[in-house]
Amino acid sequence: MEWRDRAYVLTTRKHGENAVILNVLTETRGRASGLVRGGAGRRHRGQLQPGNLLEVTWRGRLEEHLGAFTCELVRSSGAVGAAGGDGLAVLAAAAGVVDTLLPEGEPHPEIFHGLAGLLTALEDPGVVAAYVRWELGVLGELGFGLDLSACAATGATENLTHVSPKSGRAVSAEAAAPYAGRMLVLPGFLLESGGPISPPDLLQGLRLTGYFLESHALSGARNRLSARDRLMESLAKRQSTGKQTPIR
């Protein structure tokens, strides 16, 4: 068995003395894994960094077996995070979400191309907002999409402030008032309402998508998205220390 595809590096783990198990998201075959002989050596170390785009060839006796990858670097993710910012944390969080949620061998080209777009924004000030929007797309692709177009109770399209944790539909401020403690906050930037975006807005967005990732896509399993948790902790710490620079 043999196939060739473009792929983004997600994670690696050492296997034996010199090899690594490489997990990637391919364009047409979804998430895939394979052995890279010599992958722990200096020659491959820079090539197998998360976010790098590779041309990979997979070979194995049977498709369900762990095969072997040969890799060619197409594009490097670059020195993300060298100038500070949230790019490195977003990259790790996105790789963790894909590696955890996507079944191996299930094609998801929309997630592949969405990730490609996200990776081009890693050095932008608004990268966390872009990441939250990308997670909404991942939920939709996996069958757990949120409906933020109108209020679930009244049909109103204005003043949408919350999301029902049961239905995943938006709720207006008036309809949500009696149940606000049980609703998820809907930050305005997910409605493309414009205006500055603060760290509290970003945290609310991550809590919203995180709820549905954990309760639906992960079937209630927790503590499996540690890189994403670290991103939220960083934002929460920034908020608590008052280091808040609105994003416009």
Protein backbone atom coordinates (compact mmCIF):
# COMPACT_ATOMS: atom_id res chain seq x y z
CA MET A 1 0.00 0.00 0.00
CA GLU A 2 1.23 3.48 -0.86
CA TRP A 3 -0.25 6.97 -1.05
CA ARG A 4 1.01 10.54 -1.30
CA ASP A 5 -0.58 13.74 0.00
CA ARG A 6 0.05 17.20 1.42
CA ALA A 7 -0.07 17.27 5.21
CA TYR A 8 0.33 19.56 8.22
CA VAL A 9 2.43 18.27 11.12
CA LEU A 10 0.37 17.86 14.30
CA THR A 11 2.50 15.98 16.83
CA THR A 12 5.47 13.65 17.09
CA ARG A 13 6.53 11.15 19.73
CA LYS A 14 9.79 9.29 19.96
CA HIS A 15 9.88 5.63 18.96
CA GLY A 16 13.01 3.71 19.80
CA GLU A 17 16.38 5.44 19.58
CA ASN A 18 16.13 7.42 16.35
CA ALA A 19 12.59 7.11 14.95
CA VAL A 20 9.42 9.07 15.72
CA ILE A 21 5.72 8.43 15.23
CA LEU A 22 4.44 11.36 13.16
CA ASN A 23 0.79 12.45 13.30
CA VAL A 24 -0.40 14.68 10.46
CA LEU A 25 -3.56 16.14 8.96
CA THR A 26 -3.62 15.36 5.25
CA GLU A 27 -5.61 17.20 2.60
CA THR A 28 -7.58 14.23 1.25
CA ARG A 29 -7.18 11.40 3.78
CA GLY A 30 -7.75 13.18 7.08
CA ARG A 31 -5.60 12.46 10.09
CA ALA A 32 -2.85 9.90 9.55
CA SER A 33 0.16 8.54 11.41
CA GLY A 34 3.31 6.72 10.47
CA LEU A 35 6.89 5.99 11.41
CA VAL A 36 9.65 8.35 10.33
CA ARG A 37 12.98 6.55 10.50
CA GLY A 38 15.68 8.88 11.76
CA GLY A 39 12.99 11.40 12.68
CA ALA A 40 14.61 12.14 16.05
CA GLY A 41 17.86 13.16 14.38
CA ARG A 42 19.08 16.65 13.53
CA ARG A 43 18.25 16.28 9.82
CA HIS A 44 14.52 15.84 10.46
CA ARG A 45 14.11 17.89 13.63
CA GLY A 46 13.31 21.19 11.91
CA GLN A 47 11.21 19.49 9.27
CA LEU A 48 8.78 17.84 11.72
CA GLN A 49 7.75 20.93 13.68
CA PRO A 50 3.99 21.42 14.33
CA GLY A 51 2.37 23.54 11.64
CA ASN A 52 4.90 22.70 8.92
CA LEU A 53 3.39 21.75 5.57
CA LEU A 54 4.91 18.56 4.14
CA GLU A 55 4.58 16.40 1.07
CA VAL A 56 4.33 12.93 2.62
CA THR A 57 4.47 9.46 1.12
CA TRP A 58 3.05 6.65 3.25
CA ARG A 59 3.97 3.02 2.65
CA GLY A 60 2.78 -0.05 4.53
CA ARG A 61 1.79 -3.68 4.07
CA LEU A 62 -1.86 -2.97 4.87
CA GLU A 63 -3.65 0.37 5.23
CA GLU A 64 -4.72 -0.39 8.82
CA HIS A 65 -1.09 -1.09 9.85
CA LEU A 66 1.37 1.52 11.08
CA GLY A 67 3.25 2.35 7.91
CA ALA A 68 6.30 4.53 7.29
CA PHE A 69 6.42 8.13 6.11
CA THR A 70 8.97 9.80 3.89
CA CYS A 71 8.63 13.57 4.02
CA GLU A 72 9.57 16.64 2.03
CA LEU A 73 9.19 20.11 3.53
CA VAL A 74 6.88 22.35 1.48
CA ARG A 75 6.50 25.31 3.84
CA SER A 76 7.74 26.01 7.36
CA SER A 77 5.50 27.53 10.00
CA GLY A 78 8.41 29.86 10.72
CA ALA A 79 9.59 31.41 13.96
CA VAL A 80 6.08 31.71 15.38
CA GLY A 81 6.01 33.37 18.76
CA ALA A 82 9.48 34.89 18.44
CA ALA A 83 7.99 38.34 18.84
CA GLY A 84 5.60 37.33 21.63
CA GLY A 85 1.87 37.13 21.06
CA ASP A 86 -0.39 34.11 21.11
CA GLY A 87 0.62 32.42 17.86
CA LEU A 88 2.63 29.59 19.38
CA ALA A 89 -0.11 28.78 21.91
CA VAL A 90 -2.77 28.84 19.17
CA LEU A 91 -0.68 26.54 16.98
CA ALA A 92 -0.31 24.02 19.81
CA ALA A 93 -4.01 24.23 20.68
CA ALA A 94 -5.14 23.72 17.07
CA ALA A 95 -2.80 20.75 16.59
CA GLY A 96 -4.12 19.20 19.80
CA VAL A 97 -7.76 19.66 18.80
CA VAL A 98 -7.24 18.00 15.41
CA ASP A 99 -5.08 15.21 16.81
CA THR A 100 -7.64 14.44 19.54
CA LEU A 101 -10.97 14.89 17.76
CA LEU A 102 -10.49 13.61 14.23
CA PRO A 103 -10.72 9.86 13.68
CA GLU A 104 -7.77 8.50 11.72
CA GLY A 105 -8.45 8.02 8.01
CA GLU A 106 -11.65 10.12 7.90
CA PRO A 107 -11.32 12.86 5.25
CA HIS A 108 -12.00 16.43 6.40
CA PRO A 109 -10.72 18.75 3.65
CA GLU A 110 -12.64 21.72 5.10
CA ILE A 111 -10.75 21.39 8.39
CA PHE A 112 -7.46 21.05 6.48
CA HIS A 113 -8.08 24.26 4.52
CA GLY A 114 -9.41 26.04 7.60
CA LEU A 115 -6.22 25.13 9.44
CA ALA A 116 -4.20 26.43 6.48
CA GLY A 117 -5.96 29.79 6.82
CA LEU A 118 -5.43 29.89 10.58
CA LEU A 119 -1.71 29.21 10.20
CA THR A 120 -1.33 32.28 7.99
CA ALA A 121 -2.66 34.42 10.86
CA LEU A 122 -0.40 33.15 13.66
CA GLU A 123 1.51 36.42 13.95
CA ASP A 124 -1.59 38.65 13.76
CA PRO A 125 -2.89 40.39 16.92
CA GLY A 126 -6.32 38.84 16.27
CA VAL A 127 -5.11 35.24 16.04
CA VAL A 128 -7.08 34.02 19.09
CA ALA A 129 -10.33 35.38 17.65
CA ALA A 130 -9.48 33.61 14.37
CA TYR A 131 -8.82 30.44 16.35
CA VAL A 132 -12.24 30.56 18.07
CA ARG A 133 -13.91 30.99 14.67
CA TRP A 134 -11.89 28.03 13.38
CA GLU A 135 -13.13 25.90 16.30
CA LEU A 136 -16.71 26.81 15.35
CA GLY A 137 -15.93 25.50 11.88
CA VAL A 138 -14.45 22.29 13.32
CA LEU A 139 -17.61 21.72 15.38
CA GLY A 140 -19.75 22.22 12.30
CA GLU A 141 -17.63 19.83 10.23
CA LEU A 142 -17.95 17.16 12.93
CA GLY A 143 -21.74 17.52 13.06
CA PHE A 144 -22.02 19.74 16.16
CA GLY A 145 -22.44 23.13 14.48
CA LEU A 146 -23.90 26.06 16.41
CA ASP A 147 -26.76 28.12 15.00
CA LEU A 148 -26.04 31.78 15.79
CA SER A 149 -28.37 33.25 13.18
CA ALA A 150 -31.45 33.94 15.32
CA CYS A 151 -32.89 33.54 18.81
CA ALA A 152 -34.06 29.99 19.49
CA ALA A 153 -37.01 31.25 21.56
CA THR A 154 -38.28 34.29 19.63
CA GLY A 155 -36.66 34.19 16.18
CA ALA A 156 -35.16 37.65 16.74
CA THR A 157 -31.88 38.40 14.99
CA GLU A 158 -30.87 41.38 17.15
CA ASN A 159 -29.30 41.54 20.63
CA LEU A 160 -28.15 37.90 20.63
CA THR A 161 -26.14 37.49 23.83
CA HIS A 162 -26.19 33.82 24.85
CA VAL A 163 -26.19 30.25 23.49
CA SER A 164 -28.29 27.39 24.79
CA PRO A 165 -26.03 24.55 26.02
CA LYS A 166 -28.72 22.04 25.02
CA SER A 167 -29.55 23.12 21.48
CA GLY A 168 -26.43 25.08 20.50
CA ARG A 169 -28.67 27.91 19.26
CA ALA A 170 -28.36 31.63 19.98
CA VAL A 171 -30.67 33.30 22.50
CA SER A 172 -31.49 37.00 22.81
CA ALA A 173 -30.81 38.96 26.00
CA GLU A 174 -34.53 39.21 26.79
CA ALA A 175 -35.21 35.51 26.34
CA ALA A 176 -32.05 34.49 28.18
CA ALA A 177 -32.62 36.71 31.24
CA PRO A 178 -34.52 34.16 33.38
CA TYR A 179 -31.93 31.48 32.61
CA ALA A 180 -28.74 33.54 32.23
CA GLY A 181 -26.88 31.49 34.85
CA ARG A 182 -27.39 28.34 32.80
CA MET A 183 -26.60 29.89 29.41
CA LEU A 184 -23.27 30.26 27.64
CA VAL A 185 -22.18 33.82 26.84
CA LEU A 186 -22.06 34.66 23.13
CA PRO A 187 -19.31 37.26 22.50
CA GLY A 188 -20.11 39.84 19.86
CA PHE A 189 -17.11 39.10 17.65
CA LEU A 190 -18.64 35.75 16.69
CA LEU A 191 -21.57 37.68 15.22
CA GLU A 192 -19.24 39.90 13.18
CA SER A 193 -20.61 42.94 14.96
CA GLY A 194 -17.31 44.77 14.75
CA GLY A 195 -15.63 46.83 17.46
CA PRO A 196 -12.64 46.00 19.66
CA ILE A 197 -12.17 42.50 21.08
CA SER A 198 -10.86 42.21 24.64
CA PRO A 199 -9.32 39.21 26.48
CA PRO A 200 -12.64 38.66 28.33
CA ASP A 201 -14.38 38.39 24.93
CA LEU A 202 -11.81 35.83 23.79
CA LEU A 203 -12.19 33.80 26.98
CA GLN A 204 -15.97 33.76 26.56
CA GLY A 205 -15.51 32.56 22.98
CA LEU A 206 -13.15 29.78 24.06
CA ARG A 207 -15.50 28.73 26.87
CA LEU A 208 -18.37 28.58 24.38
CA THR A 209 -16.61 26.41 21.81
CA GLY A 210 -14.85 24.43 24.55
CA TYR A 211 -18.17 23.44 26.12
CA PHE A 212 -19.36 21.84 22.87
CA LEU A 213 -15.97 20.30 22.12
CA GLU A 214 -15.95 18.54 25.49
CA SER A 215 -19.63 17.69 25.92
CA HIS A 216 -20.35 16.68 22.33
CA ALA A 217 -17.30 16.05 20.16
CA LEU A 218 -15.37 14.45 23.04
CA SER A 219 -18.47 12.77 24.53
CA GLY A 220 -17.85 14.33 27.93
CA ALA A 221 -14.20 13.29 28.25
CA ARG A 222 -12.09 15.98 29.89
CA ASN A 223 -8.43 16.87 30.31
CA ARG A 224 -7.64 15.78 26.76
CA LEU A 225 -7.03 19.23 25.28
CA SER A 226 -4.16 20.37 27.48
CA ALA A 227 -2.61 22.80 24.97
CA ARG A 228 -5.98 24.50 24.58
CA ASP A 229 -6.28 24.71 28.38
CA ARG A 230 -2.89 26.44 28.52
CA LEU A 231 -4.05 29.03 25.98
CA MET A 232 -7.08 29.81 28.15
CA GLU A 233 -4.94 30.00 31.29
CA SER A 234 -2.64 32.50 29.58
CA LEU A 235 -5.57 34.71 28.58
CA ALA A 236 -7.11 34.47 32.05
CA LYS A 237 -3.80 35.46 33.66
CA ARG A 238 -3.50 38.44 31.31
CA GLN A 239 -6.99 39.50 32.23
CA SER A 240 -6.34 39.21 35.97
CA THR A 241 -3.16 41.30 35.76
CA GLY A 242 -4.86 43.99 33.73
CA LYS A 243 -2.69 43.49 30.63
CA GLN A 244 -5.57 43.89 28.20
CA THR A 245 -4.98 45.37 24.77
CA PRO A 246 -8.22 45.47 22.76
CA ILE A 247 -7.95 44.05 19.24
CA ARG A 248 -9.57 46.13 16.53
